[in-house]
Amino acid sequence: MKKILMIKITLFCCSFTFCQDSVNIWQCFRGAETNHPLYRQKELNKEISGYEVANTTKSWFPDISVSGQATYQSDVVGFGTFTAPHDQYKLYMEANQQLYDGGTTTKSKAVELSKLEINQQQLEIEFHNIRQQVNSVYFSIAILKKNAEMLRITRSELGEKLKTVRAAVENGALLPENEYVLMAEILKIESREEELNYNVTAAVETLNKLTGLATSPESVFKIPNGIQLSDSVSERPETAAFDIQKTLAENNIGLLKTVNRPKLYAFAQSGYGKPGLNMLNDEFDYYYIAGLALKWNLIDWGENHNKIKSGNLQLQSIELNKNNFDRKINIALQNELAKINHYTSAIGKDRQLIELQGKIKESASAKFQNGAITATDYIAESNAELMARIRHETNIILLAQSIINYQLIKGDIKL
């Protein structure tokens, strides 16, 4: 039994040790990226692109093949007494070496490299989106925990007040209903605390799944401060993706322009057959042939020209989409900046309100002790101060969240 108890205690201690005592938003951002299912996709994209780029250069390697053929012809050429054989056989090796491809290989390589950049940038967009989700969950936890903390403080104060009221009730200085009102208010606060704790636990589980971290409801979720807003140009991954898409479209147009350029090859063929190159010899013989070949597609009925036009239209479409995205980002930045200014102003007013509500609460407490007001009146003033404190703490957290949101919208956060 002692061994079992020791094992349970050890397991409990280990599980507690693995939980992080404190965490900040930057750890969560990094964890969300490394814990993302697509995190390894970057390396896979590089490997895939490496093979594709290598394949584009294979056209400069000689093309070597072996072929064989056996035929029977119903009619053959004859000269005097000589008649070519009806059955013919040949087995040969052929090699082709590209000498000039009009720039096709170079452009094909550029296209593949642009595709890699787009794939990598799509991952950055995915990681950026997950950071926004993490940001929302992280600060939701911070607000919930702060609200629960304010409620605990108020419950503790009401608990102390209840002791005083009970003594006064026993002495006949206050009516029993005042005690009941305080007890009911404490139960209400406990119920709200339970709901908040449940929401904190659920949010923490979500955060852990997103980041792979081992936080718990008891962990301290640090609120960043002292962050300065920069005037730098937007560096959103989507903006970079639009630029890469334009580069890809330009490279595709460049590749299309090489399609109708002449292609020059060197070729050689060596074989053994009946007949060889001498059609007047009906014996098996060795032979070879070598030379240069030129291929030039002079007309394609405008097909390639239309593809180039389509590519140019795609460039215009990408530019329009980029401008539309920049417009949305600017609007979002203005809205977030308005929130930052609002929370900054509200925090200053909150401090003044808390000071005033504190004085009103002290006055109400004294009146309550003297029996000048009821417990209901005192609780109303106590709740007013509580709401002022909660609003103040919430606005502080919302200000930090808005500043991080502003940086995320702008693309300033780089890990």
Protein backbone atom coordinates (compact mmCIF):
# COMPACT_ATOMS: atom_id res chain seq x y z
CA MET A 1 0.00 0.00 0.00
CA LYS A 2 2.88 2.35 0.82
CA LYS A 3 4.52 1.60 -2.52
CA ILE A 4 1.28 2.38 -4.37
CA LEU A 5 0.93 5.63 -2.43
CA MET A 6 4.53 6.61 -3.24
CA ILE A 7 3.98 5.88 -6.94
CA LYS A 8 0.84 8.05 -6.98
CA ILE A 9 2.65 10.89 -5.23
CA THR A 10 5.57 10.62 -7.67
CA LEU A 11 3.27 10.69 -10.69
CA PHE A 12 1.46 13.72 -9.29
CA CYS A 13 4.72 15.55 -8.72
CA CYS A 14 5.93 14.71 -12.23
CA SER A 15 2.71 15.90 -13.85
CA PHE A 16 2.91 19.11 -11.84
CA THR A 17 6.53 19.65 -12.86
CA PHE A 18 5.69 19.35 -16.54
CA CYS A 19 3.15 22.19 -16.29
CA GLN A 20 4.67 25.58 -17.03
CA ASP A 21 4.55 28.04 -14.11
CA SER A 22 4.41 31.00 -16.48
CA VAL A 23 4.13 31.62 -20.22
CA ASN A 24 4.22 34.60 -22.56
CA ILE A 25 2.64 35.27 -25.92
CA TRP A 26 5.94 34.86 -27.81
CA GLN A 27 6.41 31.31 -26.48
CA CYS A 28 2.89 30.54 -27.64
CA PHE A 29 3.57 31.94 -31.11
CA ARG A 30 6.72 29.84 -31.49
CA GLY A 31 4.99 26.76 -30.11
CA ALA A 32 2.05 27.19 -32.47
CA GLU A 33 4.41 27.15 -35.46
CA THR A 34 6.59 24.22 -34.39
CA ASN A 35 3.53 22.25 -33.24
CA HIS A 36 1.66 22.85 -36.50
CA PRO A 37 1.09 19.71 -38.60
CA LEU A 38 2.57 21.51 -41.63
CA TYR A 39 5.77 22.60 -39.87
CA ARG A 40 7.86 19.93 -41.64
CA GLN A 41 6.26 20.81 -44.95
CA LYS A 42 8.92 23.47 -45.53
CA GLU A 43 11.67 20.87 -45.74
CA LEU A 44 9.48 18.60 -47.88
CA ASN A 45 8.81 21.48 -50.27
CA LYS A 46 12.55 22.07 -50.61
CA GLU A 47 13.18 18.41 -51.36
CA ILE A 48 10.37 18.26 -53.93
CA SER A 49 11.57 21.45 -55.58
CA GLY A 50 15.13 20.11 -55.64
CA TYR A 51 14.01 17.14 -57.72
CA GLU A 52 11.90 19.31 -60.03
CA VAL A 53 14.75 21.80 -60.61
CA ALA A 54 17.16 18.92 -61.23
CA ASN A 55 14.77 17.50 -63.84
CA THR A 56 14.74 20.80 -65.76
CA THR A 57 18.49 20.50 -66.33
CA LYS A 58 18.26 16.89 -67.55
CA SER A 59 17.46 18.14 -71.05
CA TRP A 60 21.15 19.03 -71.41
CA PHE A 61 22.18 15.44 -70.79
CA PRO A 62 22.46 13.19 -73.87
CA ASP A 63 19.36 11.14 -74.62
CA ILE A 64 20.52 7.57 -75.32
CA SER A 65 18.21 4.78 -76.40
CA VAL A 66 18.35 1.32 -77.96
CA SER A 67 15.76 0.21 -80.52
CA GLY A 68 15.12 -2.87 -82.65
CA GLN A 69 12.83 -3.63 -85.55
CA ALA A 70 11.95 -6.57 -87.77
CA THR A 71 9.66 -6.05 -90.79
CA TYR A 72 8.36 -7.85 -93.83
CA GLN A 73 7.45 -5.83 -96.90
CA SER A 74 4.96 -6.98 -99.51
CA ASP A 75 6.81 -5.08 -102.22
CA VAL A 76 10.48 -4.11 -102.55
CA VAL A 77 12.76 -2.21 -104.91
CA GLY A 78 14.58 -4.11 -107.60
CA PHE A 79 17.41 -3.15 -109.98
CA GLY A 80 18.01 -5.54 -112.82
CA THR A 81 18.81 -8.90 -111.33
CA PHE A 82 19.02 -7.48 -107.80
CA THR A 83 15.95 -7.43 -105.63
CA ALA A 84 15.95 -6.06 -102.07
CA PRO A 85 14.95 -8.60 -99.42
CA HIS A 86 11.33 -8.63 -98.29
CA ASP A 87 12.40 -9.18 -94.66
CA GLN A 88 14.46 -6.46 -92.99
CA TYR A 89 16.05 -6.30 -89.52
CA LYS A 90 17.84 -3.65 -87.55
CA LEU A 91 19.10 -3.12 -84.00
CA TYR A 92 20.61 0.27 -83.21
CA MET A 93 21.66 2.69 -80.51
CA GLU A 94 20.74 6.35 -80.87
CA ALA A 95 22.05 9.40 -79.00
CA ASN A 96 20.71 12.96 -79.10
CA GLN A 97 22.47 15.92 -77.53
CA GLN A 98 20.73 19.26 -77.12
CA LEU A 99 22.89 22.17 -78.25
CA TYR A 100 20.46 25.09 -78.07
CA ASP A 101 16.99 25.17 -76.52
CA GLY A 102 16.09 28.83 -76.86
CA GLY A 103 16.32 29.41 -73.11
CA THR A 104 13.63 26.86 -72.19
CA THR A 105 15.69 25.15 -69.48
CA THR A 106 16.65 28.41 -67.77
CA LYS A 107 13.05 29.61 -67.70
CA SER A 108 11.75 26.22 -66.55
CA LYS A 109 14.17 26.31 -63.63
CA ALA A 110 13.01 29.84 -62.71
CA VAL A 111 9.39 28.67 -62.79
CA GLU A 112 10.11 25.77 -60.41
CA LEU A 113 11.98 28.02 -57.99
CA SER A 114 9.05 30.47 -58.00
CA LYS A 115 6.67 27.59 -57.26
CA LEU A 116 8.82 26.68 -54.25
CA GLU A 117 8.70 30.25 -52.95
CA ILE A 118 4.91 30.32 -53.31
CA ASN A 119 4.53 27.02 -51.46
CA GLN A 120 6.79 28.25 -48.66
CA GLN A 121 4.92 31.53 -48.47
CA GLN A 122 1.58 29.71 -48.24
CA LEU A 123 2.95 28.02 -45.12
CA GLU A 124 3.91 31.41 -43.69
CA ILE A 125 0.33 32.57 -44.28
CA GLU A 126 -0.93 29.48 -42.46
CA PHE A 127 1.43 30.12 -39.55
CA HIS A 128 0.36 33.77 -39.45
CA ASN A 129 -3.31 32.76 -39.26
CA ILE A 130 -2.61 30.37 -36.39
CA ARG A 131 -0.80 33.19 -34.52
CA GLN A 132 -3.94 35.31 -34.76
CA GLN A 133 -5.94 32.43 -33.32
CA VAL A 134 -3.41 31.93 -30.52
CA ASN A 135 -3.45 35.65 -29.77
CA SER A 136 -7.22 35.58 -29.30
CA VAL A 137 -7.19 32.50 -27.03
CA TYR A 138 -4.19 33.72 -24.98
CA PHE A 139 -5.69 37.08 -24.07
CA SER A 140 -9.11 35.52 -23.47
CA ILE A 141 -7.47 33.36 -20.80
CA ALA A 142 -5.76 36.41 -19.30
CA ILE A 143 -9.06 38.30 -19.08
CA LEU A 144 -10.92 35.33 -17.59
CA LYS A 145 -8.22 34.77 -14.98
CA LYS A 146 -8.12 38.45 -14.04
CA ASN A 147 -11.92 38.52 -13.65
CA ALA A 148 -11.74 35.43 -11.45
CA GLU A 149 -9.01 37.08 -9.37
CA MET A 150 -11.15 40.20 -8.85
CA LEU A 151 -14.08 38.04 -7.80
CA ARG A 152 -11.91 36.14 -5.30
CA ILE A 153 -10.79 39.40 -3.72
CA THR A 154 -14.37 40.65 -3.50
CA ARG A 155 -15.57 37.32 -2.06
CA SER A 156 -12.83 37.49 0.56
CA GLU A 157 -13.85 41.06 1.49
CA LEU A 158 -17.50 40.05 1.71
CA GLY A 159 -16.49 37.06 3.85
CA GLU A 160 -14.79 39.37 6.33
CA LYS A 161 -17.77 41.70 6.21
CA LEU A 162 -20.08 38.73 6.88
CA LYS A 163 -18.20 37.93 10.12
CA THR A 164 -18.74 41.49 11.31
CA VAL A 165 -22.41 41.43 10.34
CA ARG A 166 -23.01 38.13 12.14
CA ALA A 167 -21.58 39.56 15.30
CA ALA A 168 -23.79 42.63 14.90
CA VAL A 169 -26.85 40.43 14.28
CA GLU A 170 -26.10 38.40 17.40
CA ASN A 171 -25.86 41.63 19.38
CA GLY A 172 -29.14 42.85 17.89
CA ALA A 173 -27.49 45.80 16.11
CA LEU A 174 -28.48 44.59 12.62
CA LEU A 175 -31.41 42.61 11.26
CA PRO A 176 -30.74 38.96 10.20
CA GLU A 177 -31.74 39.73 6.61
CA ASN A 178 -28.48 41.65 6.20
CA GLU A 179 -26.57 38.46 6.92
CA TYR A 180 -28.68 36.54 4.43
CA VAL A 181 -28.12 39.13 1.72
CA LEU A 182 -24.34 38.89 2.15
CA MET A 183 -24.44 35.09 2.15
CA ALA A 184 -26.51 35.11 -1.05
CA GLU A 185 -24.07 37.52 -2.72
CA ILE A 186 -21.11 35.32 -1.76
CA LEU A 187 -22.87 32.31 -3.31
CA LYS A 188 -23.49 34.30 -6.49
CA ILE A 189 -19.81 35.20 -6.69
CA GLU A 190 -18.76 31.58 -6.11
CA SER A 191 -21.07 30.52 -8.94
CA ARG A 192 -19.52 33.13 -11.25
CA GLU A 193 -16.04 31.96 -10.20
CA GLU A 194 -16.90 28.36 -11.08
CA GLU A 195 -18.11 29.42 -14.50
CA LEU A 196 -14.97 31.49 -15.09
CA ASN A 197 -12.71 28.64 -13.94
CA TYR A 198 -14.49 26.26 -16.32
CA ASN A 199 -13.99 28.70 -19.21
CA VAL A 200 -10.32 29.15 -18.26
CA THR A 201 -9.76 25.38 -18.23
CA ALA A 202 -11.41 24.99 -21.65
CA ALA A 203 -9.41 27.88 -23.13
CA VAL A 204 -6.13 26.56 -21.69
CA GLU A 205 -6.79 23.14 -23.27
CA THR A 206 -7.37 24.85 -26.62
CA LEU A 207 -4.16 26.85 -26.24
CA ASN A 208 -2.16 23.72 -25.37
CA LYS A 209 -3.49 21.93 -28.44
CA LEU A 210 -2.54 24.87 -30.65
CA THR A 211 0.93 25.41 -29.18
CA GLY A 212 1.98 22.02 -27.82
CA LEU A 213 2.83 23.71 -24.51
CA ALA A 214 1.96 22.29 -21.08
CA THR A 215 0.20 25.24 -19.46
CA SER A 216 -2.47 24.87 -16.80
CA PRO A 217 -5.21 27.12 -15.38
CA GLU A 218 -2.80 27.93 -12.54
CA SER A 219 -0.06 29.12 -14.92
CA VAL A 220 0.74 32.83 -15.07
CA PHE A 221 -0.09 34.27 -18.49
CA LYS A 222 2.18 37.29 -18.73
CA ILE A 223 0.84 40.43 -20.38
CA PRO A 224 3.39 42.08 -22.71
CA ASN A 225 4.12 45.74 -22.05
CA GLY A 226 6.33 48.45 -23.44
CA ILE A 227 5.69 47.37 -27.05
CA GLN A 228 6.12 50.25 -29.50
CA LEU A 229 4.14 50.57 -32.71
CA SER A 230 6.40 50.92 -35.75
CA ASP A 231 5.91 53.02 -38.87
CA SER A 232 7.45 50.37 -41.13
CA VAL A 233 5.79 49.22 -44.33
CA SER A 234 3.47 46.22 -44.05
CA GLU A 235 5.33 42.89 -44.21
CA ARG A 236 2.38 40.54 -44.30
CA PRO A 237 3.15 37.10 -45.80
CA GLU A 238 0.21 37.60 -48.17
CA THR A 239 1.90 40.70 -49.60
CA ALA A 240 5.07 38.72 -50.27
CA ALA A 241 2.93 35.94 -51.79
CA PHE A 242 1.42 38.40 -54.29
CA ASP A 243 4.93 39.53 -55.34
CA ILE A 244 6.02 35.91 -55.79
CA GLN A 245 2.88 35.15 -57.82
CA LYS A 246 3.80 38.04 -60.13
CA THR A 247 7.31 36.65 -60.49
CA LEU A 248 5.91 33.20 -61.29
CA ALA A 249 3.54 34.66 -63.90
CA GLU A 250 6.43 36.59 -65.48
CA ASN A 251 8.58 33.46 -65.56
CA ASN A 252 5.73 31.50 -67.14
CA ILE A 253 5.41 34.18 -69.83
CA GLY A 254 9.15 34.00 -70.40
CA LEU A 255 8.90 30.21 -70.72
CA LEU A 256 6.09 30.53 -73.28
CA LYS A 257 8.24 32.86 -75.36
CA THR A 258 10.86 30.13 -75.71
CA VAL A 259 8.39 27.56 -77.08
CA ASN A 260 8.57 28.71 -80.71
CA ARG A 261 12.29 29.38 -80.75
CA PRO A 262 14.45 27.02 -82.83
CA LYS A 263 15.96 23.98 -81.10
CA LEU A 264 19.29 22.58 -82.25
CA TYR A 265 20.40 19.00 -81.60
CA ALA A 266 23.37 16.80 -82.43
CA PHE A 267 22.52 13.17 -83.06
CA ALA A 268 24.32 9.90 -83.76
CA GLN A 269 23.03 6.42 -84.57
CA SER A 270 24.98 3.18 -84.78
CA GLY A 271 23.49 -0.23 -85.46
CA TYR A 272 23.53 -3.63 -87.07
CA GLY A 273 20.93 -4.70 -89.57
CA LYS A 274 19.86 -6.23 -92.84
CA PRO A 275 20.34 -4.29 -94.93
CA GLY A 276 22.61 -1.63 -93.52
CA LEU A 277 22.70 1.80 -95.07
CA ASN A 278 23.52 0.22 -98.41
CA MET A 279 20.13 -0.90 -99.72
CA LEU A 280 21.83 -2.90 -102.50
CA ASN A 281 23.49 -5.18 -99.95
CA ASP A 282 21.11 -7.83 -98.62
CA GLU A 283 23.57 -9.04 -95.98
CA PHE A 284 23.71 -8.07 -92.28
CA ASP A 285 26.04 -5.14 -91.84
CA TYR A 286 27.17 -2.55 -89.27
CA TYR A 287 26.38 1.12 -89.90
CA TYR A 288 26.39 4.56 -88.26
CA ILE A 289 25.11 8.03 -89.02
CA ALA A 290 25.76 11.38 -87.27
CA GLY A 291 24.73 14.95 -87.83
CA LEU A 292 22.86 18.02 -86.65
CA ALA A 293 19.10 18.55 -86.49
CA LEU A 294 17.10 21.76 -86.28
CA LYS A 295 13.51 21.94 -85.10
CA TRP A 296 11.59 25.18 -85.44
CA ASN A 297 7.85 25.44 -84.97
CA LEU A 298 7.04 28.27 -87.38
CA ILE A 299 3.30 28.44 -86.82
CA ASP A 300 0.98 27.31 -84.04
CA TRP A 301 -2.09 29.26 -85.20
CA GLY A 302 -1.73 31.79 -82.38
CA GLU A 303 -2.03 29.30 -79.52
CA ASN A 304 1.16 30.40 -77.76
CA HIS A 305 0.40 34.06 -78.41
CA ASN A 306 -2.96 33.66 -76.64
CA LYS A 307 -1.27 31.96 -73.69
CA ILE A 308 1.10 34.93 -73.37
CA LYS A 309 -1.85 37.32 -73.44
CA SER A 310 -3.53 35.25 -70.74
CA GLY A 311 -0.36 35.46 -68.64
CA ASN A 312 -0.29 39.24 -68.94
CA LEU A 313 -3.92 39.39 -67.81
CA GLN A 314 -3.01 37.20 -64.83
CA LEU A 315 -0.35 39.76 -63.90
CA GLN A 316 -3.00 42.50 -63.91
CA SER A 317 -5.33 40.31 -61.83
CA ILE A 318 -2.61 39.67 -59.24
CA GLU A 319 -1.92 43.40 -58.97
CA LEU A 320 -5.63 44.14 -58.46
CA ASN A 321 -5.89 41.48 -55.75
CA LYS A 322 -2.80 42.85 -54.05
CA ASN A 323 -4.21 46.39 -54.06
CA ASN A 324 -7.51 45.11 -52.66
CA PHE A 325 -5.66 43.21 -49.91
CA ASP A 326 -3.58 46.27 -49.02
CA ARG A 327 -6.79 48.30 -48.80
CA LYS A 328 -8.33 45.79 -46.37
CA ILE A 329 -5.16 45.78 -44.28
CA ASN A 330 -5.10 49.57 -44.06
CA ILE A 331 -8.74 49.60 -42.91
CA ALA A 332 -8.02 46.89 -40.32
CA LEU A 333 -4.98 48.84 -39.07
CA GLN A 334 -7.05 52.01 -38.71
CA ASN A 335 -9.72 50.14 -36.75
CA GLU A 336 -7.14 48.52 -34.48
CA LEU A 337 -5.38 51.84 -33.92
CA ALA A 338 -8.74 53.35 -32.92
CA LYS A 339 -9.15 50.53 -30.35
CA ILE A 340 -5.66 51.20 -28.98
CA ASN A 341 -6.47 54.89 -28.53
CA HIS A 342 -9.83 54.00 -26.95
CA TYR A 343 -8.33 51.57 -24.41
CA THR A 344 -5.50 53.99 -23.58
CA SER A 345 -8.02 56.74 -22.82
CA ALA A 346 -10.37 54.37 -20.97
CA ILE A 347 -7.60 53.14 -18.65
CA GLY A 348 -6.95 56.68 -17.43
CA LYS A 349 -10.64 57.24 -16.70
CA ASP A 350 -10.90 53.82 -15.08
CA ARG A 351 -8.27 54.80 -12.50
CA GLN A 352 -10.25 57.90 -11.58
CA LEU A 353 -13.47 55.90 -11.37
CA ILE A 354 -11.88 53.24 -9.16
CA GLU A 355 -10.67 55.92 -6.77
CA LEU A 356 -14.15 57.48 -6.56
CA GLN A 357 -15.93 54.12 -6.24
CA GLY A 358 -13.47 53.14 -3.50
CA LYS A 359 -14.40 56.22 -1.48
CA ILE A 360 -18.11 55.59 -2.05
CA LYS A 361 -17.66 51.99 -0.95
CA GLU A 362 -15.82 53.04 2.24
CA SER A 363 -18.61 55.46 3.05
CA ALA A 364 -21.24 52.79 2.38
CA SER A 365 -19.33 50.35 4.59
CA ALA A 366 -19.35 52.79 7.48
CA LYS A 367 -23.04 53.52 7.01
CA PHE A 368 -23.78 49.81 6.84
CA GLN A 369 -21.93 49.17 10.09
CA ASN A 370 -23.98 51.91 11.73
CA GLY A 371 -27.23 50.52 10.34
CA ALA A 372 -27.87 53.58 8.16
CA ILE A 373 -28.16 51.46 5.00
CA THR A 374 -28.99 47.83 4.28
CA ALA A 375 -26.70 45.06 3.05
CA THR A 376 -28.34 45.38 -0.36
CA ASP A 377 -27.28 49.02 -0.57
CA TYR A 378 -23.74 48.15 0.51
CA ILE A 379 -23.47 45.30 -2.03
CA ALA A 380 -24.61 47.65 -4.81
CA GLU A 381 -21.72 49.99 -4.04
CA SER A 382 -19.32 47.08 -3.59
CA ASN A 383 -20.32 45.67 -6.98
CA ALA A 384 -19.94 49.09 -8.58
CA GLU A 385 -16.34 49.22 -7.38
CA LEU A 386 -15.79 45.62 -8.46
CA MET A 387 -17.05 46.35 -11.96
CA ALA A 388 -14.80 49.41 -12.15
CA ARG A 389 -11.76 47.30 -11.19
CA ILE A 390 -12.69 44.51 -13.61
CA ARG A 391 -13.22 47.03 -16.40
CA HIS A 392 -9.84 48.61 -15.64
CA GLU A 393 -7.95 45.31 -15.62
CA THR A 394 -9.80 44.14 -18.72
CA ASN A 395 -8.96 47.32 -20.62
CA ILE A 396 -5.27 46.91 -19.72
CA ILE A 397 -5.30 43.39 -21.20
CA LEU A 398 -7.36 44.47 -24.22
CA LEU A 399 -4.86 47.26 -24.89
CA ALA A 400 -2.00 44.76 -24.94
CA GLN A 401 -4.05 42.46 -27.18
CA SER A 402 -4.84 45.30 -29.60
CA ILE A 403 -1.16 46.24 -29.82
CA ILE A 404 -0.26 42.64 -30.67
CA ASN A 405 -3.20 42.50 -33.09
CA TYR A 406 -1.90 45.66 -34.76
CA GLN A 407 1.51 44.08 -35.21
CA LEU A 408 -0.02 40.86 -36.52
CA ILE A 409 -2.21 42.72 -39.00
CA LYS A 410 0.79 44.71 -40.17
CA GLY A 411 3.07 41.68 -40.28
CA ASP A 412 5.68 43.07 -37.87
CA ILE A 413 5.89 39.94 -35.72
CA LYS A 414 8.73 37.72 -36.93
CA LEU A 415 9.82 34.61 -35.03
